[in-house]
Amino acid sequence: MSGKVVLYYFDGRGKMESIRWLLAVAGVEFQEVFLSTRAQYEELVNGGALLFHQVPMVEMDGMKLVQSKAIMNYIAGKYNLYGKDLKERVMIDMYAEAARDMMDMIMGLPFVPPEKKENQLEKVQVKAKVRTLPAFEKALGASQFLVGNQLSCADVNFFEASLMLEEVFPTILSSFPNIQAFQTRMKAIPAIGKFLQPGSQRKPPPDEVYVKTAMDTLSHLFK
C-alpha cells in the first residue's frame, strides 16, 4: 500500500474522525480498514503495526503512525495547516487542544451508563457554555481565522467540535454570533462542503453497533 494513505479504525467517528477531517480539508484521498473483531486488533498488535498497542493507526509516507495528536500534527505540518512560525503554532495548539477536549467529552457520552448520562450531559454543556465557547467567540471577533491570517488545523478542529455540540445541544450556539459566522465561512470552503455531503467518508454519530464493536475489540480497556 505504498504511497496510499490508509486508516485503521472502527467504522465510526472516535479518535479517527478529526484525522479524517484534516485529510479531507487537505484534499488527501484515503482508504480505510475497519476493525470489527478482537482478532483483527490482535493481528495488528502481533504484527508490530501498533507501536503502543492502540488505534487509530495511519499508514502514510512509509510510516505506521499512532497517537492521534501526533498524526494530526504531522498532517497539519505537511499540508500548511499549522501556522507560519512557532508563535502561531503554539497558539494553534492551544485552540486545537481546547476543541479536542470538548470533542473527547462528547465522544465519551455513548459509553456512559444510562443512570449517569444526564449528569455527564450537564457537565459537557456547562463546560462548553461557560469556558470553551466564550473563548472561541472572542477569538473569532477579531479575525476570520483563530490564529493568523490563514486556515489552520485549529479552525478545522473547532468547526468539527461546534458541529458535534450542535448535534447534542441544537441551540447551544444561539448566543455566539461570531461562531455562527465562522461556521458559515467554513462550510463555504469547497473541501469542507464536499466532506459534509452525504456519501463522503465522514462518519455519523455513534450508534449501539459502534459502541459494541469498540468495546468488544478493545475489551481490555473496558474491564
N, C-alpha and C. Protein backbone atom coordinates (compact mmCIF):
# COMPACT_ATOMS: atom_id res chain seq x y z
N MET A 1 0.82 -1.21 0.00
CA MET A 1 0.00 0.00 0.00
C MET A 1 0.87 1.27 0.00
N SER A 2 2.06 1.12 -0.54
CA SER A 2 3.00 2.25 -0.57
C SER A 2 2.41 3.41 -1.36
N GLY A 3 2.51 4.61 -0.83
CA GLY A 3 2.01 5.80 -1.50
C GLY A 3 0.58 6.11 -1.19
N LYS A 4 -0.14 5.16 -0.63
CA LYS A 4 -1.53 5.39 -0.28
C LYS A 4 -1.65 5.70 1.21
N VAL A 5 -2.62 6.50 1.56
CA VAL A 5 -2.91 6.78 2.96
C VAL A 5 -4.02 5.81 3.38
N VAL A 6 -3.74 5.02 4.42
CA VAL A 6 -4.70 4.02 4.87
C VAL A 6 -4.96 4.21 6.36
N LEU A 7 -6.23 4.27 6.71
CA LEU A 7 -6.65 4.49 8.10
C LEU A 7 -7.18 3.18 8.70
N TYR A 8 -6.70 2.85 9.89
CA TYR A 8 -7.13 1.65 10.59
C TYR A 8 -7.89 2.06 11.85
N TYR A 9 -9.17 1.75 11.84
CA TYR A 9 -10.00 2.12 13.00
C TYR A 9 -11.35 1.42 12.85
N PHE A 10 -12.28 1.76 13.72
CA PHE A 10 -13.64 1.24 13.61
C PHE A 10 -14.41 2.03 12.55
N ASP A 11 -15.53 1.49 12.13
CA ASP A 11 -16.39 2.19 11.18
C ASP A 11 -17.26 3.18 11.97
N GLY A 12 -16.62 4.22 12.43
CA GLY A 12 -17.28 5.23 13.24
C GLY A 12 -16.33 6.38 13.52
N ARG A 13 -16.79 7.35 14.26
CA ARG A 13 -16.01 8.56 14.49
C ARG A 13 -14.82 8.33 15.42
N GLY A 14 -15.06 8.42 16.71
CA GLY A 14 -13.99 8.22 17.68
C GLY A 14 -12.80 9.13 17.43
N LYS A 15 -11.63 8.64 17.78
CA LYS A 15 -10.40 9.42 17.65
C LYS A 15 -9.95 9.59 16.21
N MET A 16 -10.51 8.81 15.29
CA MET A 16 -10.09 8.92 13.89
C MET A 16 -10.80 10.03 13.15
N GLU A 17 -11.95 10.47 13.63
CA GLU A 17 -12.74 11.41 12.84
C GLU A 17 -12.02 12.73 12.59
N SER A 18 -11.31 13.25 13.57
CA SER A 18 -10.58 14.50 13.37
C SER A 18 -9.46 14.33 12.35
N ILE A 19 -8.90 13.13 12.29
CA ILE A 19 -7.88 12.84 11.27
C ILE A 19 -8.52 12.82 9.90
N ARG A 20 -9.69 12.20 9.79
CA ARG A 20 -10.41 12.22 8.51
C ARG A 20 -10.69 13.65 8.07
N TRP A 21 -11.12 14.48 9.02
CA TRP A 21 -11.41 15.89 8.69
C TRP A 21 -10.17 16.59 8.12
N LEU A 22 -9.04 16.44 8.77
CA LEU A 22 -7.84 17.14 8.30
C LEU A 22 -7.41 16.65 6.92
N LEU A 23 -7.47 15.35 6.70
CA LEU A 23 -7.11 14.81 5.38
C LEU A 23 -8.07 15.33 4.31
N ALA A 24 -9.35 15.37 4.63
CA ALA A 24 -10.34 15.87 3.68
C ALA A 24 -10.09 17.34 3.34
N VAL A 25 -9.82 18.14 4.36
CA VAL A 25 -9.56 19.57 4.13
C VAL A 25 -8.28 19.77 3.32
N ALA A 26 -7.30 18.90 3.54
CA ALA A 26 -6.04 18.98 2.79
C ALA A 26 -6.17 18.42 1.38
N GLY A 27 -7.30 17.82 1.08
CA GLY A 27 -7.50 17.26 -0.25
C GLY A 27 -6.80 15.93 -0.47
N VAL A 28 -6.54 15.21 0.61
CA VAL A 28 -5.82 13.94 0.53
C VAL A 28 -6.82 12.78 0.51
N GLU A 29 -6.75 11.97 -0.52
CA GLU A 29 -7.60 10.79 -0.59
C GLU A 29 -7.06 9.71 0.35
N PHE A 30 -7.96 8.97 0.95
CA PHE A 30 -7.51 7.91 1.85
C PHE A 30 -8.43 6.70 1.77
N GLN A 31 -7.85 5.56 2.11
CA GLN A 31 -8.60 4.32 2.21
C GLN A 31 -8.78 3.99 3.69
N GLU A 32 -9.74 3.12 3.98
CA GLU A 32 -9.98 2.75 5.37
C GLU A 32 -10.07 1.24 5.54
N VAL A 33 -9.46 0.76 6.60
CA VAL A 33 -9.60 -0.63 7.01
C VAL A 33 -10.35 -0.60 8.34
N PHE A 34 -11.55 -1.14 8.36
CA PHE A 34 -12.38 -1.08 9.55
C PHE A 34 -12.15 -2.31 10.44
N LEU A 35 -11.87 -2.06 11.69
CA LEU A 35 -11.72 -3.14 12.66
C LEU A 35 -13.09 -3.49 13.22
N SER A 36 -13.43 -4.76 13.17
CA SER A 36 -14.74 -5.20 13.68
C SER A 36 -14.63 -6.35 14.66
N THR A 37 -13.40 -6.88 14.83
CA THR A 37 -13.22 -8.02 15.74
C THR A 37 -11.96 -7.83 16.57
N ARG A 38 -11.93 -8.50 17.69
CA ARG A 38 -10.74 -8.53 18.54
C ARG A 38 -9.56 -9.15 17.80
N ALA A 39 -9.85 -10.15 16.97
CA ALA A 39 -8.79 -10.85 16.24
C ALA A 39 -8.05 -9.90 15.29
N GLN A 40 -8.77 -9.01 14.63
CA GLN A 40 -8.13 -8.04 13.74
C GLN A 40 -7.17 -7.14 14.52
N TYR A 41 -7.64 -6.67 15.66
CA TYR A 41 -6.79 -5.81 16.51
C TYR A 41 -5.55 -6.57 16.96
N GLU A 42 -5.71 -7.80 17.41
CA GLU A 42 -4.57 -8.59 17.89
C GLU A 42 -3.59 -8.88 16.77
N GLU A 43 -4.09 -9.06 15.56
CA GLU A 43 -3.21 -9.28 14.42
C GLU A 43 -2.31 -8.07 14.17
N LEU A 44 -2.88 -6.88 14.28
CA LEU A 44 -2.09 -5.66 14.12
C LEU A 44 -1.05 -5.54 15.23
N VAL A 45 -1.46 -5.84 16.46
CA VAL A 45 -0.52 -5.77 17.59
C VAL A 45 0.61 -6.77 17.41
N ASN A 46 0.25 -8.01 17.12
CA ASN A 46 1.26 -9.06 16.99
C ASN A 46 2.18 -8.86 15.79
N GLY A 47 1.67 -8.14 14.79
CA GLY A 47 2.49 -7.86 13.62
C GLY A 47 3.37 -6.63 13.77
N GLY A 48 3.28 -5.98 14.92
CA GLY A 48 4.13 -4.82 15.19
C GLY A 48 3.65 -3.52 14.58
N ALA A 49 2.40 -3.49 14.10
CA ALA A 49 1.90 -2.28 13.44
C ALA A 49 1.47 -1.19 14.42
N LEU A 50 1.15 -1.61 15.65
CA LEU A 50 0.65 -0.64 16.64
C LEU A 50 1.71 -0.44 17.72
N LEU A 51 2.44 0.64 17.61
CA LEU A 51 3.58 0.89 18.49
C LEU A 51 3.21 0.80 19.96
N PHE A 52 2.10 1.37 20.33
CA PHE A 52 1.67 1.36 21.73
C PHE A 52 0.40 0.52 21.94
N HIS A 53 0.16 -0.39 20.99
CA HIS A 53 -0.99 -1.30 21.09
C HIS A 53 -2.32 -0.56 21.12
N GLN A 54 -2.42 0.51 20.31
CA GLN A 54 -3.66 1.28 20.30
C GLN A 54 -3.94 1.84 18.92
N VAL A 55 -5.21 2.07 18.67
CA VAL A 55 -5.64 2.76 17.46
C VAL A 55 -6.23 4.11 17.87
N PRO A 56 -6.28 5.05 16.90
CA PRO A 56 -6.12 4.94 15.46
C PRO A 56 -4.67 4.69 15.03
N MET A 57 -4.55 4.10 13.82
CA MET A 57 -3.27 3.96 13.16
C MET A 57 -3.43 4.40 11.72
N VAL A 58 -2.45 5.15 11.23
CA VAL A 58 -2.49 5.66 9.86
C VAL A 58 -1.21 5.27 9.15
N GLU A 59 -1.35 4.61 8.02
CA GLU A 59 -0.21 4.34 7.14
C GLU A 59 -0.07 5.51 6.19
N MET A 60 1.09 6.16 6.25
CA MET A 60 1.27 7.38 5.46
C MET A 60 2.76 7.64 5.26
N ASP A 61 3.15 7.93 4.05
CA ASP A 61 4.55 8.28 3.75
C ASP A 61 5.52 7.22 4.24
N GLY A 62 5.14 5.95 4.11
CA GLY A 62 6.02 4.86 4.50
C GLY A 62 6.10 4.62 5.99
N MET A 63 5.23 5.26 6.77
CA MET A 63 5.23 5.12 8.23
C MET A 63 3.91 4.55 8.71
N LYS A 64 3.95 3.90 9.86
CA LYS A 64 2.74 3.49 10.56
C LYS A 64 2.61 4.40 11.78
N LEU A 65 1.74 5.39 11.67
CA LEU A 65 1.63 6.44 12.68
C LEU A 65 0.53 6.12 13.68
N VAL A 66 0.85 6.29 14.95
CA VAL A 66 -0.14 6.16 16.02
C VAL A 66 -0.08 7.43 16.87
N GLN A 67 -0.97 7.49 17.87
CA GLN A 67 -1.16 8.67 18.71
C GLN A 67 -1.82 9.78 17.89
N SER A 68 -3.10 9.97 18.13
CA SER A 68 -3.91 10.84 17.27
C SER A 68 -3.38 12.27 17.18
N LYS A 69 -2.89 12.82 18.26
CA LYS A 69 -2.37 14.19 18.20
C LYS A 69 -1.13 14.27 17.32
N ALA A 70 -0.26 13.28 17.44
CA ALA A 70 0.94 13.25 16.60
C ALA A 70 0.56 13.14 15.13
N ILE A 71 -0.43 12.30 14.84
CA ILE A 71 -0.89 12.13 13.46
C ILE A 71 -1.43 13.45 12.91
N MET A 72 -2.28 14.11 13.70
CA MET A 72 -2.86 15.37 13.24
C MET A 72 -1.81 16.45 13.07
N ASN A 73 -0.84 16.50 13.96
CA ASN A 73 0.22 17.50 13.83
C ASN A 73 1.05 17.25 12.57
N TYR A 74 1.29 16.00 12.25
CA TYR A 74 2.05 15.66 11.03
C TYR A 74 1.28 16.11 9.80
N ILE A 75 -0.01 15.77 9.75
CA ILE A 75 -0.83 16.17 8.61
C ILE A 75 -0.89 17.69 8.49
N ALA A 76 -1.11 18.36 9.63
CA ALA A 76 -1.20 19.82 9.61
C ALA A 76 0.11 20.45 9.14
N GLY A 77 1.24 19.92 9.61
CA GLY A 77 2.52 20.46 9.19
C GLY A 77 2.80 20.22 7.72
N LYS A 78 2.44 19.05 7.24
CA LYS A 78 2.72 18.71 5.84
C LYS A 78 1.87 19.51 4.87
N TYR A 79 0.64 19.82 5.26
CA TYR A 79 -0.30 20.45 4.33
C TYR A 79 -0.62 21.90 4.68
N ASN A 80 0.32 22.57 5.34
CA ASN A 80 0.24 24.01 5.57
C ASN A 80 -0.99 24.41 6.37
N LEU A 81 -1.28 23.61 7.39
CA LEU A 81 -2.39 23.90 8.30
C LEU A 81 -1.88 24.13 9.72
N TYR A 82 -0.62 24.56 9.84
CA TYR A 82 -0.01 24.63 11.17
C TYR A 82 0.73 25.94 11.41
N GLY A 83 0.26 27.02 10.78
CA GLY A 83 0.82 28.34 11.05
C GLY A 83 2.14 28.59 10.33
N LYS A 84 2.61 29.84 10.47
CA LYS A 84 3.82 30.23 9.75
C LYS A 84 5.07 30.22 10.62
N ASP A 85 4.92 30.15 11.94
CA ASP A 85 6.08 30.15 12.82
C ASP A 85 5.71 29.51 14.16
N LEU A 86 6.69 29.44 15.06
CA LEU A 86 6.47 28.77 16.34
C LEU A 86 5.41 29.46 17.19
N LYS A 87 5.37 30.79 17.15
CA LYS A 87 4.38 31.51 17.95
C LYS A 87 2.96 31.19 17.47
N GLU A 88 2.78 31.15 16.15
CA GLU A 88 1.46 30.77 15.65
C GLU A 88 1.16 29.32 15.99
N ARG A 89 2.17 28.48 15.91
CA ARG A 89 1.95 27.05 16.15
C ARG A 89 1.50 26.79 17.58
N VAL A 90 2.09 27.47 18.55
CA VAL A 90 1.68 27.22 19.94
C VAL A 90 0.26 27.72 20.18
N MET A 91 -0.12 28.81 19.54
CA MET A 91 -1.50 29.29 19.67
C MET A 91 -2.47 28.31 18.99
N ILE A 92 -2.08 27.80 17.83
CA ILE A 92 -2.90 26.79 17.15
C ILE A 92 -3.08 25.58 18.06
N ASP A 93 -2.00 25.15 18.69
CA ASP A 93 -2.08 24.00 19.61
C ASP A 93 -3.04 24.29 20.76
N MET A 94 -3.00 25.49 21.29
CA MET A 94 -3.88 25.84 22.41
C MET A 94 -5.35 25.73 22.01
N TYR A 95 -5.70 26.32 20.88
CA TYR A 95 -7.09 26.26 20.44
C TYR A 95 -7.49 24.85 20.02
N ALA A 96 -6.59 24.17 19.32
CA ALA A 96 -6.89 22.81 18.88
C ALA A 96 -7.10 21.88 20.07
N GLU A 97 -6.26 22.01 21.09
CA GLU A 97 -6.41 21.17 22.28
C GLU A 97 -7.72 21.43 22.99
N ALA A 98 -8.12 22.70 23.06
CA ALA A 98 -9.40 23.03 23.69
C ALA A 98 -10.56 22.41 22.93
N ALA A 99 -10.49 22.48 21.59
CA ALA A 99 -11.55 21.88 20.77
C ALA A 99 -11.56 20.37 20.95
N ARG A 100 -10.39 19.76 21.00
CA ARG A 100 -10.31 18.30 21.15
C ARG A 100 -10.77 17.86 22.53
N ASP A 101 -10.50 18.67 23.55
CA ASP A 101 -11.01 18.36 24.89
C ASP A 101 -12.53 18.28 24.88
N MET A 102 -13.15 19.24 24.17
CA MET A 102 -14.60 19.25 24.08
C MET A 102 -15.10 18.02 23.34
N MET A 103 -14.43 17.69 22.25
CA MET A 103 -14.84 16.53 21.47
C MET A 103 -14.66 15.24 22.25
N ASP A 104 -13.60 15.15 23.04
CA ASP A 104 -13.38 13.95 23.85
C ASP A 104 -14.55 13.72 24.82
N MET A 105 -15.05 14.80 25.40
CA MET A 105 -16.18 14.67 26.33
C MET A 105 -17.42 14.16 25.59
N ILE A 106 -17.65 14.68 24.39
CA ILE A 106 -18.81 14.25 23.61
C ILE A 106 -18.64 12.81 23.14
N MET A 107 -17.42 12.46 22.72
CA MET A 107 -17.14 11.08 22.29
C MET A 107 -17.43 10.07 23.37
N GLY A 108 -17.22 10.46 24.61
CA GLY A 108 -17.41 9.54 25.72
C GLY A 108 -18.86 9.31 26.10
N LEU A 109 -19.77 10.17 25.64
CA LEU A 109 -21.17 10.08 26.06
C LEU A 109 -21.83 8.73 25.75
N PRO A 110 -21.61 8.15 24.57
CA PRO A 110 -22.28 6.86 24.29
C PRO A 110 -21.82 5.72 25.20
N PHE A 111 -20.70 5.90 25.87
CA PHE A 111 -20.15 4.85 26.73
C PHE A 111 -20.52 5.05 28.21
N VAL A 112 -21.23 6.13 28.49
CA VAL A 112 -21.64 6.44 29.87
C VAL A 112 -22.87 5.61 30.24
N PRO A 113 -22.89 4.99 31.40
CA PRO A 113 -24.08 4.24 31.83
C PRO A 113 -25.31 5.14 31.86
N PRO A 114 -26.48 4.61 31.53
CA PRO A 114 -27.70 5.42 31.45
C PRO A 114 -27.99 6.24 32.69
N GLU A 115 -27.71 5.67 33.86
CA GLU A 115 -28.02 6.39 35.10
C GLU A 115 -27.10 7.60 35.33
N LYS A 116 -25.99 7.67 34.58
CA LYS A 116 -25.05 8.78 34.73
C LYS A 116 -25.09 9.74 33.55
N LYS A 117 -25.89 9.41 32.53
CA LYS A 117 -25.88 10.17 31.29
C LYS A 117 -26.31 11.62 31.49
N GLU A 118 -27.39 11.85 32.22
CA GLU A 118 -27.90 13.21 32.41
C GLU A 118 -26.87 14.10 33.10
N ASN A 119 -26.21 13.57 34.10
CA ASN A 119 -25.18 14.33 34.82
C ASN A 119 -24.01 14.67 33.91
N GLN A 120 -23.62 13.72 33.07
CA GLN A 120 -22.49 13.96 32.17
C GLN A 120 -22.86 14.96 31.09
N LEU A 121 -24.08 14.90 30.59
CA LEU A 121 -24.55 15.88 29.61
C LEU A 121 -24.49 17.29 30.19
N GLU A 122 -24.88 17.43 31.44
CA GLU A 122 -24.84 18.73 32.10
C GLU A 122 -23.40 19.24 32.20
N LYS A 123 -22.47 18.35 32.51
CA LYS A 123 -21.06 18.75 32.60
C LYS A 123 -20.54 19.25 31.24
N VAL A 124 -20.91 18.54 30.19
CA VAL A 124 -20.47 18.95 28.85
C VAL A 124 -21.04 20.32 28.50
N GLN A 125 -22.33 20.51 28.76
CA GLN A 125 -22.97 21.77 28.41
C GLN A 125 -22.41 22.95 29.20
N VAL A 126 -22.19 22.75 30.48
CA VAL A 126 -21.64 23.83 31.30
C VAL A 126 -20.24 24.20 30.85
N LYS A 127 -19.41 23.20 30.62
CA LYS A 127 -18.04 23.50 30.17
C LYS A 127 -18.06 24.25 28.85
N ALA A 128 -18.91 23.81 27.93
CA ALA A 128 -18.98 24.45 26.63
C ALA A 128 -19.43 25.91 26.74
N LYS A 129 -20.51 26.16 27.48
CA LYS A 129 -21.10 27.49 27.52
C LYS A 129 -20.34 28.47 28.40
N VAL A 130 -19.68 27.94 29.44
CA VAL A 130 -19.01 28.83 30.40
C VAL A 130 -17.54 29.03 30.07
N ARG A 131 -16.88 27.99 29.60
CA ARG A 131 -15.43 28.06 29.42
C ARG A 131 -14.98 28.06 27.96
N THR A 132 -15.48 27.11 27.18
CA THR A 132 -14.92 26.90 25.85
C THR A 132 -15.46 27.87 24.81
N LEU A 133 -16.77 27.90 24.65
CA LEU A 133 -17.34 28.73 23.58
C LEU A 133 -17.05 30.23 23.75
N PRO A 134 -17.11 30.80 24.95
CA PRO A 134 -16.77 32.23 25.07
C PRO A 134 -15.36 32.56 24.59
N ALA A 135 -14.41 31.68 24.84
CA ALA A 135 -13.04 31.94 24.41
C ALA A 135 -12.94 31.93 22.88
N PHE A 136 -13.61 31.00 22.24
CA PHE A 136 -13.59 30.95 20.78
C PHE A 136 -14.39 32.12 20.18
N GLU A 137 -15.49 32.48 20.82
CA GLU A 137 -16.28 33.62 20.35
C GLU A 137 -15.44 34.90 20.36
N LYS A 138 -14.65 35.09 21.40
CA LYS A 138 -13.78 36.27 21.49
C LYS A 138 -12.71 36.24 20.42
N ALA A 139 -12.08 35.09 20.23
CA ALA A 139 -11.01 34.97 19.23
C ALA A 139 -11.53 35.26 17.83
N LEU A 140 -12.74 34.80 17.53
CA LEU A 140 -13.29 34.96 16.19
C LEU A 140 -13.91 36.33 15.97
N GLY A 141 -13.95 37.15 17.01
CA GLY A 141 -14.43 38.52 16.85
C GLY A 141 -13.41 39.41 16.20
N ALA A 142 -12.15 39.00 16.24
CA ALA A 142 -11.08 39.84 15.72
C ALA A 142 -10.55 39.37 14.37
N SER A 143 -10.87 38.16 13.96
CA SER A 143 -10.31 37.59 12.74
C SER A 143 -11.22 36.50 12.21
N GLN A 144 -11.13 36.24 10.92
CA GLN A 144 -11.94 35.15 10.36
C GLN A 144 -11.33 33.79 10.67
N PHE A 145 -10.05 33.78 11.08
CA PHE A 145 -9.39 32.55 11.49
C PHE A 145 -9.01 32.64 12.97
N LEU A 146 -8.85 31.50 13.61
CA LEU A 146 -8.49 31.51 15.03
C LEU A 146 -7.09 32.04 15.26
N VAL A 147 -6.17 31.72 14.36
CA VAL A 147 -4.77 32.14 14.51
C VAL A 147 -4.25 32.62 13.16
N GLY A 148 -3.63 33.80 13.16
CA GLY A 148 -3.02 34.30 11.93
C GLY A 148 -4.04 34.64 10.87
N ASN A 149 -3.58 34.60 9.62
CA ASN A 149 -4.45 35.02 8.51
C ASN A 149 -4.70 33.91 7.51
N GLN A 150 -4.60 32.66 8.00
CA GLN A 150 -4.92 31.55 7.10
C GLN A 150 -5.50 30.38 7.89
N LEU A 151 -6.16 29.50 7.17
CA LEU A 151 -6.79 28.32 7.76
C LEU A 151 -5.75 27.44 8.45
N SER A 152 -6.10 26.93 9.63
CA SER A 152 -5.21 26.02 10.35
C SER A 152 -6.00 24.83 10.89
N CYS A 153 -5.27 23.86 11.42
CA CYS A 153 -5.94 22.69 11.99
C CYS A 153 -6.81 23.09 13.18
N ALA A 154 -6.49 24.20 13.85
CA ALA A 154 -7.33 24.66 14.95
C ALA A 154 -8.72 25.03 14.45
N ASP A 155 -8.79 25.70 13.30
CA ASP A 155 -10.09 26.04 12.72
C ASP A 155 -10.87 24.78 12.38
N VAL A 156 -10.19 23.82 11.79
CA VAL A 156 -10.86 22.58 11.39
C VAL A 156 -11.35 21.81 12.61
N ASN A 157 -10.48 21.70 13.63
CA ASN A 157 -10.87 21.00 14.85
C ASN A 157 -12.05 21.68 15.54
N PHE A 158 -12.02 23.00 15.62
CA PHE A 158 -13.11 23.69 16.29
C PHE A 158 -14.40 23.62 15.49
N PHE A 159 -14.31 23.71 14.18
CA PHE A 159 -15.51 23.57 13.35
C PHE A 159 -16.15 22.20 13.59
N GLU A 160 -15.34 21.15 13.59
CA GLU A 160 -15.85 19.81 13.89
C GLU A 160 -16.49 19.77 15.27
N ALA A 161 -15.82 20.35 16.26
CA ALA A 161 -16.35 20.35 17.63
C ALA A 161 -17.68 21.10 17.71
N SER A 162 -17.78 22.22 17.00
CA SER A 162 -19.02 23.00 17.05
C SER A 162 -20.19 22.22 16.45
N LEU A 163 -19.93 21.46 15.40
CA LEU A 163 -20.98 20.64 14.80
C LEU A 163 -21.41 19.52 15.76
N MET A 164 -20.43 18.94 16.44
CA MET A 164 -20.74 17.88 17.41
C MET A 164 -21.57 18.43 18.57
N LEU A 165 -21.23 19.62 19.03
CA LEU A 165 -22.00 20.24 20.11
C LEU A 165 -23.45 20.47 19.68
N GLU A 166 -23.64 20.92 18.46
CA GLU A 166 -25.00 21.18 17.98
C GLU A 166 -25.81 19.89 17.84
N GLU A 167 -25.14 18.79 17.55
CA GLU A 167 -25.85 17.51 17.48
C GLU A 167 -26.44 17.13 18.83
N VAL A 168 -25.74 17.48 19.91
CA VAL A 168 -26.19 17.13 21.26
C VAL A 168 -27.08 18.22 21.84
N PHE A 169 -26.69 19.48 21.59
CA PHE A 169 -27.43 20.64 22.12
C PHE A 169 -27.75 21.57 20.95
N PRO A 170 -28.86 21.37 20.26
CA PRO A 170 -29.13 22.07 18.99
C PRO A 170 -29.09 23.59 19.05
N THR A 171 -29.39 24.20 20.19
CA THR A 171 -29.44 25.67 20.26
C THR A 171 -28.24 26.27 20.98
N ILE A 172 -27.21 25.50 21.22
CA ILE A 172 -26.12 25.96 22.09
C ILE A 172 -25.35 27.14 21.52
N LEU A 173 -25.37 27.32 20.20
CA LEU A 173 -24.61 28.42 19.60
C LEU A 173 -25.45 29.68 19.39
N SER A 174 -26.67 29.69 19.88
CA SER A 174 -27.58 30.80 19.61
C SER A 174 -27.08 32.13 20.13
N SER A 175 -26.28 32.12 21.18
CA SER A 175 -25.77 33.38 21.75
C SER A 175 -24.30 33.62 21.39
N PHE A 176 -23.83 32.95 20.34
CA PHE A 176 -22.43 33.10 19.92
C PHE A 176 -22.40 33.43 18.42
N PRO A 177 -22.71 34.69 18.05
CA PRO A 177 -22.81 35.05 16.63
C PRO A 177 -21.50 34.92 15.85
N ASN A 178 -20.37 35.17 16.49
CA ASN A 178 -19.10 35.04 15.78
C ASN A 178 -18.82 33.59 15.39
N ILE A 179 -19.20 32.67 16.26
CA ILE A 179 -19.02 31.25 15.95
C ILE A 179 -19.97 30.83 14.84
N GLN A 180 -21.19 31.35 14.86
CA GLN A 180 -22.13 31.04 13.77
C GLN A 180 -21.62 31.55 12.43
N ALA A 181 -21.06 32.74 12.42
CA ALA A 181 -20.49 33.29 11.19
C ALA A 181 -19.28 32.47 10.74
N PHE A 182 -18.49 32.02 11.70
CA PHE A 182 -17.34 31.15 11.41
C PHE A 182 -17.80 29.86 10.74
N GLN A 183 -18.87 29.27 11.27
CA GLN A 183 -19.40 28.04 10.67
C GLN A 183 -19.80 28.28 9.21
N THR A 184 -20.44 29.40 8.95
CA THR A 184 -20.85 29.71 7.58
C THR A 184 -19.65 29.81 6.66
N ARG A 185 -18.60 30.49 7.12
CA ARG A 185 -17.39 30.62 6.30
C ARG A 185 -16.74 29.25 6.05
N MET A 186 -16.69 28.43 7.09
CA MET A 186 -16.06 27.12 6.94
C MET A 186 -16.83 26.24 5.96
N LYS A 187 -18.15 26.28 6.03
CA LYS A 187 -18.98 25.47 5.12
C LYS A 187 -18.81 25.89 3.67
N ALA A 188 -18.37 27.13 3.46
CA ALA A 188 -18.18 27.64 2.09
C ALA A 188 -16.87 27.17 1.47
N ILE A 189 -15.96 26.61 2.27
CA ILE A 189 -14.71 26.08 1.73
C ILE A 189 -15.04 24.80 0.96
N PRO A 190 -14.67 24.71 -0.31
CA PRO A 190 -15.09 23.58 -1.14
C PRO A 190 -14.80 22.21 -0.55
N ALA A 191 -13.61 22.00 -0.01
CA ALA A 191 -13.27 20.68 0.53
C ALA A 191 -14.14 20.33 1.73
N ILE A 192 -14.48 21.33 2.53
CA ILE A 192 -15.36 21.09 3.69
C ILE A 192 -16.79 20.84 3.23
N GLY A 193 -17.26 21.65 2.29
CA GLY A 193 -18.59 21.43 1.76
C GLY A 193 -18.74 20.03 1.20
N LYS A 194 -17.72 19.55 0.51
CA LYS A 194 -17.74 18.20 -0.05
C LYS A 194 -17.79 17.14 1.04
N PHE A 195 -17.01 17.35 2.12
CA PHE A 195 -16.95 16.37 3.21
C PHE A 195 -18.25 16.32 3.98
N LEU A 196 -19.01 17.40 3.97
CA LEU A 196 -20.28 17.46 4.68
C LEU A 196 -21.42 16.80 3.89
N GLN A 197 -21.17 16.51 2.62
CA GLN A 197 -22.22 15.94 1.79
C GLN A 197 -22.45 14.46 2.09
N PRO A 198 -23.68 13.98 1.94
CA PRO A 198 -23.94 12.54 2.08
C PRO A 198 -23.07 11.73 1.13
N GLY A 199 -22.61 10.59 1.60
CA GLY A 199 -21.76 9.74 0.76
C GLY A 199 -20.28 9.97 0.93
N SER A 200 -19.90 10.98 1.71
CA SER A 200 -18.48 11.21 1.96
C SER A 200 -17.98 10.22 3.02
N GLN A 201 -16.69 10.31 3.34
CA GLN A 201 -16.12 9.42 4.36
C GLN A 201 -16.31 9.95 5.78
N ARG A 202 -17.06 11.03 5.92
CA ARG A 202 -17.43 11.50 7.25
C ARG A 202 -18.37 10.47 7.89
N LYS A 203 -18.18 10.23 9.17
CA LYS A 203 -18.97 9.22 9.84
C LYS A 203 -20.13 9.85 10.61
N PRO A 204 -21.24 9.11 10.76
CA PRO A 204 -22.39 9.60 11.51
C PRO A 204 -22.14 9.52 13.02
N PRO A 205 -23.00 10.12 13.81
CA PRO A 205 -22.86 9.98 15.27
C PRO A 205 -22.89 8.50 15.66
N PRO A 206 -22.19 8.14 16.72
CA PRO A 206 -22.09 6.73 17.10
C PRO A 206 -23.43 6.13 17.50
N ASP A 207 -23.63 4.88 17.10
CA ASP A 207 -24.83 4.15 17.50
C ASP A 207 -24.43 2.95 18.37
N GLU A 208 -25.40 2.12 18.70
CA GLU A 208 -25.13 0.98 19.57
C GLU A 208 -24.17 -0.02 18.94
N VAL A 209 -24.23 -0.16 17.62
CA VAL A 209 -23.33 -1.09 16.93
C VAL A 209 -21.89 -0.63 17.06
N TYR A 210 -21.67 0.66 16.86
CA TYR A 210 -20.31 1.20 17.00
C TYR A 210 -19.79 1.01 18.43
N VAL A 211 -20.61 1.33 19.41
CA VAL A 211 -20.19 1.19 20.81
C VAL A 211 -19.84 -0.25 21.13
N LYS A 212 -20.68 -1.20 20.70
CA LYS A 212 -20.41 -2.61 20.98
C LYS A 212 -19.14 -3.08 20.28
N THR A 213 -18.95 -2.67 19.03
CA THR A 213 -17.74 -3.06 18.29
C THR A 213 -16.49 -2.55 18.98
N ALA A 214 -16.49 -1.29 19.38
CA ALA A 214 -15.34 -0.70 20.06
C ALA A 214 -15.05 -1.42 21.38
N MET A 215 -16.11 -1.68 22.14
CA MET A 215 -15.92 -2.32 23.44
C MET A 215 -15.47 -3.78 23.31
N ASP A 216 -15.97 -4.47 22.31
CA ASP A 216 -15.55 -5.86 22.10
C ASP A 216 -14.12 -5.93 21.57
N THR A 217 -13.79 -5.07 20.63
CA THR A 217 -12.46 -5.10 20.03
C THR A 217 -11.38 -4.67 21.02
N LEU A 218 -11.68 -3.68 21.81
CA LEU A 218 -10.73 -3.17 22.81
C LEU A 218 -11.19 -3.57 24.21
N SER A 219 -11.56 -4.83 24.36
CA SER A 219 -12.16 -5.31 25.59
C SER A 219 -11.25 -5.12 26.81
N HIS A 220 -9.94 -5.07 26.58
CA HIS A 220 -9.01 -4.89 27.71
C HIS A 220 -9.16 -3.51 28.35
N LEU A 221 -9.72 -2.55 27.62
CA LEU A 221 -9.89 -1.20 28.15
C LEU A 221 -11.19 -1.05 28.93
N PHE A 222 -12.07 -2.01 28.84
CA PHE A 222 -13.40 -1.87 29.43
C PHE A 222 -13.63 -2.89 30.55
N LYS A 223 -12.58 -3.46 31.07
CA LYS A 223 -12.72 -4.44 32.16
C LYS A 223 -12.93 -3.71 33.50
